[in-house]
Amino acid sequence: METQQDTYAQLIALLDQHQASYRLIDHAPEGQTDLVSAMRGNELAQAAKCIILMVKQGKKVTKYILAVVPGDTRVDLQAVKALLQGTYIAFATGSIAEQLAGSVAGTILPFAFHPGLELIVDPSLLEHDEIYFNAARLDRSLALKTSDYVAIAHPRLAHISSTLADTTA
């Protein structure tokens, strides 16, 4: 997929431009957070789980959110809806998510390259020295120094995760 290659190249160029501290990790193709974390050897809490949401604010405004939470949690849809004073929230369709992310599900980056995508990160992800995520490819991941991630991505920070055992979201 050409878009994925473009998104991967855009990511590496951005990180190199900012002299970020990162490592590339090649592995078998996998996009499921728990499985790929085992391959990479990182704790689930260090994995950036990236999910694109659609939030309606009234009848006329629709926003798309790139929600990033630790891999051992889930996105709390009600928290995101409340944060944005939304009237409706849902997961974006696969085609819209791929278009906005520039990559397929399971490889979505914790960076919002598309102007129509707002990045919101749960601060609990940032408690580790490094975060891990698939690098717009199923067969390659990236370990990125957390402070570099925050400096480059400029995420909006908000508590938008809940534990996997919590069934409220």
Protein backbone atom coordinates (compact mmCIF):
# COMPACT_ATOMS: atom_id res chain seq x y z
CA MET A 1 0.00 0.00 0.00
CA GLU A 2 1.56 3.23 -1.19
CA THR A 3 -0.07 5.35 1.52
CA GLN A 4 1.48 3.19 4.24
CA GLN A 5 4.94 3.65 2.72
CA ASP A 6 4.34 7.41 2.54
CA THR A 7 3.17 7.50 6.17
CA TYR A 8 6.16 5.41 7.30
CA ALA A 9 8.56 7.70 5.39
CA GLN A 10 6.82 10.78 6.85
CA LEU A 11 7.22 9.38 10.37
CA ILE A 12 10.95 8.60 9.98
CA ALA A 13 11.60 12.00 8.34
CA LEU A 14 9.79 13.78 11.20
CA LEU A 15 11.71 11.89 13.88
CA ASP A 16 15.04 12.43 12.15
CA GLN A 17 14.27 16.14 11.63
CA HIS A 18 13.77 16.49 15.39
CA GLN A 19 16.75 14.23 16.20
CA ALA A 20 14.46 11.97 18.20
CA SER A 21 15.82 8.96 20.04
CA TYR A 22 14.18 5.85 18.54
CA ARG A 23 14.81 2.25 17.54
CA LEU A 24 13.22 0.24 14.74
CA ILE A 25 12.12 -3.28 15.59
CA ASP A 26 11.37 -5.76 12.79
CA HIS A 27 8.97 -8.61 13.60
CA ALA A 28 6.42 -10.94 12.04
CA PRO A 29 3.40 -9.04 10.66
CA GLU A 30 1.05 -8.33 13.57
CA GLY A 31 -1.26 -5.46 14.49
CA GLN A 32 -2.86 -6.72 17.69
CA THR A 33 -1.37 -4.83 20.65
CA ASP A 34 -0.96 -7.74 23.05
CA LEU A 35 0.57 -10.06 20.44
CA VAL A 36 2.95 -7.52 18.91
CA SER A 37 4.06 -6.33 22.37
CA ALA A 38 5.14 -9.89 23.17
CA MET A 39 7.16 -9.98 19.93
CA ARG A 40 8.80 -6.64 20.69
CA GLY A 41 9.44 -7.50 24.33
CA ASN A 42 7.74 -4.42 25.78
CA GLU A 43 5.22 -4.18 28.60
CA LEU A 44 1.64 -3.70 27.42
CA ALA A 45 1.49 -0.43 29.37
CA GLN A 46 4.26 0.95 27.09
CA ALA A 47 2.38 0.16 23.88
CA ALA A 48 0.54 3.07 22.28
CA LYS A 49 -2.89 1.74 21.28
CA CYS A 50 -4.22 4.13 18.64
CA ILE A 51 -7.92 4.33 17.82
CA ILE A 52 -9.76 6.78 15.59
CA LEU A 53 -13.12 7.98 16.88
CA MET A 54 -15.91 10.07 15.41
CA VAL A 55 -17.51 12.58 17.76
CA LYS A 56 -20.59 14.57 16.84
CA GLN A 57 -21.12 17.91 18.50
CA GLY A 58 -24.75 18.68 17.81
CA LYS A 59 -26.19 18.01 14.36
CA LYS A 60 -23.71 19.92 12.23
CA VAL A 61 -20.21 19.33 13.65
CA THR A 62 -18.31 16.05 13.32
CA LYS A 63 -14.79 15.71 14.68
CA TYR A 64 -12.33 12.87 14.30
CA ILE A 65 -10.12 12.03 17.24
CA LEU A 66 -6.95 9.97 17.36
CA ALA A 67 -7.21 8.51 20.86
CA VAL A 68 -3.97 7.01 22.20
CA VAL A 69 -4.06 4.88 25.33
CA PRO A 70 -1.73 2.32 26.95
CA GLY A 71 -1.99 -1.17 25.47
CA ASP A 72 -3.25 -2.64 28.74
CA THR A 73 -6.29 -0.34 28.75
CA ARG A 74 -9.20 0.52 26.48
CA VAL A 75 -10.46 3.87 25.23
CA ASP A 76 -13.17 5.22 27.52
CA LEU A 77 -15.66 6.45 24.92
CA GLN A 78 -17.76 8.33 27.46
CA ALA A 79 -14.69 10.21 28.73
CA VAL A 80 -13.82 11.33 25.19
CA LYS A 81 -17.44 12.28 24.50
CA ALA A 82 -17.60 14.35 27.71
CA LEU A 83 -14.21 15.96 27.04
CA LEU A 84 -15.39 17.19 23.64
CA GLN A 85 -18.95 17.94 24.80
CA GLY A 86 -20.13 15.53 22.15
CA THR A 87 -23.68 14.40 21.56
CA TYR A 88 -22.64 11.10 19.93
CA ILE A 89 -19.45 9.04 19.76
CA ALA A 90 -18.46 5.96 17.78
CA PHE A 91 -15.42 4.25 16.35
CA ALA A 92 -14.65 5.67 12.91
CA THR A 93 -15.33 3.31 10.02
CA GLY A 94 -12.33 1.37 8.78
CA SER A 95 -12.12 3.31 5.53
CA ILE A 96 -12.30 6.71 7.24
CA ALA A 97 -9.76 5.65 9.89
CA GLU A 98 -7.33 4.43 7.22
CA GLN A 99 -7.78 7.59 5.18
CA LEU A 100 -7.16 9.88 8.19
CA ALA A 101 -4.28 7.77 9.57
CA GLY A 102 -2.62 7.00 6.25
CA SER A 103 -2.26 3.37 7.31
CA VAL A 104 -4.36 0.29 8.01
CA ALA A 105 -5.87 -0.71 11.35
CA GLY A 106 -3.23 -2.17 13.63
CA THR A 107 -0.58 0.17 12.25
CA ILE A 108 -2.05 3.56 13.13
CA LEU A 109 0.60 5.92 14.47
CA PRO A 110 0.25 8.01 17.64
CA PHE A 111 0.84 11.09 15.46
CA ALA A 112 -1.91 13.07 13.73
CA PHE A 113 -0.53 13.92 10.30
CA HIS A 114 -3.99 14.67 8.87
CA PRO A 115 -5.32 18.18 9.66
CA GLY A 116 -8.80 16.75 10.33
CA LEU A 117 -7.56 14.54 13.15
CA GLU A 118 -7.18 15.74 16.76
CA LEU A 119 -4.63 13.86 18.88
CA ILE A 120 -5.61 13.09 22.48
CA VAL A 121 -3.27 10.98 24.61
CA ASP A 122 -3.95 9.46 28.00
CA PRO A 123 -1.16 10.72 30.32
CA SER A 124 -0.69 7.26 31.84
CA LEU A 125 1.00 6.21 28.57
CA LEU A 126 3.70 8.81 29.20
CA GLU A 127 4.82 7.36 32.55
CA HIS A 128 7.48 5.20 30.84
CA ASP A 129 10.80 6.27 29.31
CA GLU A 130 9.83 4.76 25.95
CA ILE A 131 6.62 4.06 24.08
CA TYR A 132 6.18 1.38 21.42
CA PHE A 133 3.95 1.32 18.37
CA ASN A 134 3.67 -0.19 14.90
CA ALA A 135 5.36 2.18 12.46
CA ALA A 136 2.54 2.38 9.87
CA ARG A 137 3.51 -1.22 8.99
CA LEU A 138 2.50 -4.57 10.41
CA ASP A 139 6.08 -5.89 10.26
CA ARG A 140 7.97 -3.01 11.85
CA SER A 141 7.58 -1.22 15.15
CA LEU A 142 9.23 1.73 16.74
CA ALA A 143 10.46 2.32 20.28
CA LEU A 144 10.48 6.08 20.85
CA LYS A 145 11.75 8.09 23.80
CA THR A 146 8.61 9.41 25.49
CA SER A 147 9.94 12.94 25.99
CA ASP A 148 10.73 13.14 22.26
CA TYR A 149 7.23 11.90 21.43
CA VAL A 150 5.59 14.62 23.53
CA ALA A 151 7.89 17.32 22.13
CA ILE A 152 7.18 16.34 18.52
CA ALA A 153 3.51 15.28 18.63
CA HIS A 154 2.24 18.01 21.02
CA PRO A 155 -0.68 15.83 22.15
CA ARG A 156 -3.67 17.06 24.09
CA LEU A 157 -3.49 15.15 27.39
CA ALA A 158 -6.65 13.84 29.01
CA HIS A 159 -7.72 10.81 31.01
CA ILE A 160 -9.45 8.81 28.28
CA SER A 161 -8.63 5.21 29.21
CA SER A 162 -10.21 2.61 31.42
CA THR A 163 -8.96 -0.78 32.47
CA LEU A 164 -9.74 -3.73 30.23
CA ALA A 165 -11.76 -5.27 33.07
CA ASP A 166 -13.94 -2.16 33.22
CA THR A 167 -16.97 -2.74 30.98
CA THR A 168 -18.32 0.82 31.05
CA ALA A 169 -16.80 1.68 27.68
